[in-house]
Amino acid sequence: MSCASFKSNASIASAKACKDLGRTFHVIDFDDSGRMTLENWREHISGMEGELLLPRSAVNRSFDAIDTSQKGFVTYDEFEQFFQPFVIRHVDFERVMLAVILKVAIDSGAYGPVEQALRYEHSQVMSEIQHQYHQSIDHSMPGDDTLFHTALERLCVKDEATSLEIDLSQQAHVLQASFAHYCSELYRIMPASGP
């Protein structure tokens, strides 16, 4: 469903998500050309998460995944089509976008020793997403929890069940293990969808 098709009151949350998508796209497309270039994407990603240094090839892979037309630039329609399934009401879209970028990188399996750091960052971002959602005041919109769990399913990496060997505090380790179990169960029950 595209943002242009939201018309009913039941779609207020989705309409807000579409505004977030549009706002983010226009921030990335700073010259208002209607196109997001790889260079625009790299700049935005480097500014999103200062302490996270994604490999350049991971940023390129995520851009290629969004650029479904393979024209070397991304239109708003492509951007929306790619990210819409991941949007979660009550959650900062930048966090969701970072989780998607990390997912694309991890699922590619091309990062060897760096992959552990990417997995750790992905688990941290996923914890933040869950926290933001559960801290939100209003969960009264019909279907919110279903949409939240569907989006979480799409954000899980393929083999989330493999735990990280990074030394974490006991509480963080328990949270990470339970989330990894949740993701592995989702992948066991349902086929992976999306990028």
Protein backbone atom coordinates (compact mmCIF):
# COMPACT_ATOMS: atom_id res chain seq x y z
CA MET A 1 0.00 0.00 0.00
CA SER A 2 1.48 3.31 -0.98
CA CYS A 3 1.28 6.52 1.03
CA ALA A 4 -0.92 8.08 -1.65
CA SER A 5 -3.63 5.51 -0.91
CA PHE A 6 -4.18 6.42 2.77
CA LYS A 7 -7.58 8.12 3.05
CA SER A 8 -9.52 6.75 6.03
CA ASN A 9 -9.27 7.72 9.70
CA ALA A 10 -8.07 4.18 10.43
CA SER A 11 -4.95 5.03 8.46
CA ILE A 12 -3.90 8.03 10.57
CA ALA A 13 -0.92 6.14 11.99
CA SER A 14 0.13 5.03 8.53
CA ALA A 15 -0.31 8.55 7.20
CA LYS A 16 2.05 9.82 9.94
CA ALA A 17 4.51 7.11 8.95
CA CYS A 18 4.27 8.31 5.35
CA LYS A 19 5.07 11.85 6.49
CA ASP A 20 8.13 10.46 8.28
CA LEU A 21 9.18 8.67 5.10
CA GLY A 22 8.66 11.81 3.03
CA ARG A 23 10.48 14.02 5.51
CA THR A 24 13.44 11.63 5.64
CA PHE A 25 13.60 11.33 1.86
CA HIS A 26 13.64 15.12 1.48
CA VAL A 27 16.38 15.45 4.08
CA ILE A 28 18.49 12.96 2.14
CA ASP A 29 17.58 14.57 -1.21
CA PHE A 30 18.91 17.92 0.05
CA ASP A 31 19.03 19.48 -3.43
CA ASP A 32 15.31 18.70 -4.06
CA SER A 33 16.10 16.92 -7.30
CA GLY A 34 13.52 14.22 -6.53
CA ARG A 35 16.34 11.70 -6.62
CA MET A 36 18.46 10.22 -3.89
CA THR A 37 21.95 9.43 -5.17
CA LEU A 38 24.43 7.02 -3.65
CA GLU A 39 26.45 10.01 -2.46
CA ASN A 40 23.33 11.53 -0.78
CA TRP A 41 22.71 8.16 0.88
CA ARG A 42 26.32 7.82 2.10
CA GLU A 43 26.26 11.31 3.59
CA HIS A 44 23.00 10.69 5.39
CA ILE A 45 24.11 7.33 6.77
CA SER A 46 27.42 8.73 8.04
CA GLY A 47 25.53 11.48 9.86
CA MET A 48 22.90 9.12 11.29
CA GLU A 49 25.08 7.12 13.61
CA GLY A 50 28.35 8.87 14.36
CA GLU A 51 29.90 6.07 16.42
CA LEU A 52 28.92 3.34 13.96
CA LEU A 53 31.28 2.95 11.06
CA LEU A 54 29.48 0.85 8.47
CA PRO A 55 31.68 -0.62 5.79
CA ARG A 56 31.32 1.37 2.57
CA SER A 57 30.17 -1.78 0.78
CA ALA A 58 27.34 -2.21 3.34
CA VAL A 59 26.08 1.29 2.60
CA ASN A 60 26.36 0.54 -1.13
CA ARG A 61 24.45 -2.74 -0.70
CA SER A 62 21.62 -1.02 1.14
CA PHE A 63 21.42 1.62 -1.59
CA ASP A 64 21.31 -1.10 -4.26
CA ALA A 65 18.50 -2.84 -2.38
CA ILE A 66 16.44 0.38 -2.39
CA ASP A 67 17.29 1.22 -6.01
CA THR A 68 14.95 -1.38 -7.49
CA SER A 69 15.10 0.21 -10.96
CA GLN A 70 18.92 -0.03 -10.88
CA LYS A 71 19.20 3.43 -12.46
CA GLY A 72 21.82 4.66 -10.01
CA PHE A 73 19.39 6.87 -8.09
CA VAL A 74 16.33 6.32 -5.91
CA THR A 75 13.01 8.07 -6.43
CA TYR A 76 10.63 8.77 -3.56
CA ASP A 77 8.36 5.98 -4.80
CA GLU A 78 11.21 3.44 -4.60
CA PHE A 79 12.21 4.74 -1.17
CA GLU A 80 8.63 4.48 0.08
CA GLN A 81 8.06 1.06 -1.45
CA PHE A 82 11.24 -0.28 0.17
CA PHE A 83 10.77 1.19 3.67
CA GLN A 84 6.97 1.17 4.10
CA PRO A 85 6.86 -2.47 5.32
CA PHE A 86 9.31 -1.62 8.11
CA VAL A 87 7.64 1.52 9.47
CA ILE A 88 6.48 1.18 13.07
CA ARG A 89 4.08 3.62 14.71
CA HIS A 90 5.61 5.29 17.81
CA VAL A 91 9.17 4.46 16.72
CA ASP A 92 11.70 6.91 15.32
CA PHE A 93 12.02 6.13 11.61
CA GLU A 94 15.79 6.81 11.67
CA ARG A 95 16.22 3.88 14.11
CA VAL A 96 14.11 1.64 11.87
CA MET A 97 16.11 2.75 8.84
CA LEU A 98 19.38 1.91 10.62
CA ALA A 99 18.02 -1.54 11.56
CA VAL A 100 17.14 -2.16 7.90
CA ILE A 101 20.60 -1.09 6.70
CA LEU A 102 22.25 -3.38 9.25
CA LYS A 103 19.89 -6.23 8.28
CA VAL A 104 20.77 -5.89 4.59
CA ALA A 105 24.49 -5.94 5.46
CA ILE A 106 24.25 -8.92 7.82
CA ASP A 107 21.96 -10.96 5.57
CA SER A 108 24.44 -10.55 2.71
CA GLY A 109 26.97 -12.54 4.75
CA ALA A 110 29.88 -10.66 3.22
CA TYR A 111 31.54 -9.11 6.24
CA GLY A 112 33.45 -11.83 8.07
CA PRO A 113 34.92 -10.54 11.35
CA VAL A 114 33.12 -7.20 11.03
CA GLU A 115 29.80 -9.05 10.99
CA GLN A 116 29.94 -9.61 14.76
CA ALA A 117 30.07 -5.86 15.34
CA LEU A 118 27.21 -5.34 12.86
CA ARG A 119 25.15 -8.00 14.67
CA TYR A 120 25.83 -6.36 18.01
CA GLU A 121 24.75 -2.96 16.67
CA HIS A 122 21.65 -4.53 15.07
CA SER A 123 20.65 -6.09 18.40
CA GLN A 124 21.14 -2.74 20.16
CA VAL A 125 19.00 -0.90 17.58
CA MET A 126 16.30 -3.59 17.78
CA SER A 127 16.24 -3.22 21.57
CA GLU A 128 15.83 0.55 21.18
CA ILE A 129 12.98 0.02 18.71
CA GLN A 130 11.18 -2.32 21.10
CA HIS A 131 11.75 0.08 23.99
CA GLN A 132 10.41 3.07 22.04
CA TYR A 133 7.32 1.16 21.00
CA HIS A 134 6.56 -0.14 24.50
CA GLN A 135 7.19 3.29 26.06
CA SER A 136 4.64 4.95 23.78
CA ILE A 137 1.53 6.14 25.56
CA ASP A 138 -1.17 4.99 23.14
CA HIS A 139 -1.41 1.40 21.96
CA SER A 140 -5.15 1.74 21.42
CA MET A 141 -5.10 1.91 17.61
CA PRO A 142 -6.60 -1.35 16.37
CA GLY A 143 -3.93 -3.66 15.02
CA ASP A 144 -0.94 -1.72 16.43
CA ASP A 145 0.60 -4.76 18.12
CA THR A 146 0.09 -6.94 15.06
CA LEU A 147 1.72 -4.33 12.83
CA PHE A 148 4.56 -3.93 15.33
CA HIS A 149 5.30 -7.68 15.41
CA THR A 150 5.05 -7.94 11.62
CA ALA A 151 7.56 -5.08 11.23
CA LEU A 152 9.85 -6.69 13.83
CA GLU A 153 9.71 -9.94 11.92
CA ARG A 154 10.85 -8.13 8.77
CA LEU A 155 13.70 -6.46 10.67
CA CYS A 156 15.12 -9.72 12.04
CA VAL A 157 18.26 -10.95 10.38
CA LYS A 158 18.10 -14.46 8.89
CA ASP A 159 20.06 -16.24 11.59
CA GLU A 160 19.46 -14.03 14.59
CA ALA A 161 19.57 -17.12 16.80
CA THR A 162 23.37 -17.16 16.68
CA SER A 163 24.28 -15.21 19.75
CA LEU A 164 27.07 -12.68 19.86
CA GLU A 165 30.30 -13.49 21.59
CA ILE A 166 30.60 -9.91 22.86
CA ASP A 167 30.67 -9.56 26.63
CA LEU A 168 27.43 -7.88 27.70
CA SER A 169 25.91 -7.17 31.09
CA GLN A 170 23.68 -10.04 32.34
CA GLN A 171 20.45 -8.11 31.73
CA ALA A 172 21.42 -7.12 28.19
CA HIS A 173 22.51 -10.69 27.44
CA VAL A 174 19.14 -12.11 28.60
CA LEU A 175 17.25 -9.54 26.51
CA GLN A 176 19.39 -10.29 23.47
CA ALA A 177 18.98 -14.07 23.87
CA SER A 178 15.20 -13.80 24.18
CA PHE A 179 15.02 -11.55 21.12
CA ALA A 180 17.26 -13.91 19.14
CA HIS A 181 14.98 -16.79 20.11
CA TYR A 182 11.94 -14.73 19.03
CA CYS A 183 13.54 -14.03 15.62
CA SER A 184 14.59 -17.65 15.10
CA GLU A 185 11.05 -18.80 15.90
CA LEU A 186 9.61 -16.32 13.41
CA TYR A 187 11.98 -17.57 10.70
CA ARG A 188 11.08 -21.17 11.55
CA ILE A 189 7.33 -20.51 11.34
CA MET A 190 7.17 -17.99 8.51
CA PRO A 191 9.24 -17.61 5.35
CA ALA A 192 11.36 -14.46 5.24
CA SER A 193 9.84 -11.58 3.32
CA GLY A 194 11.19 -8.28 2.08
CA PRO A 195 14.83 -7.39 1.52
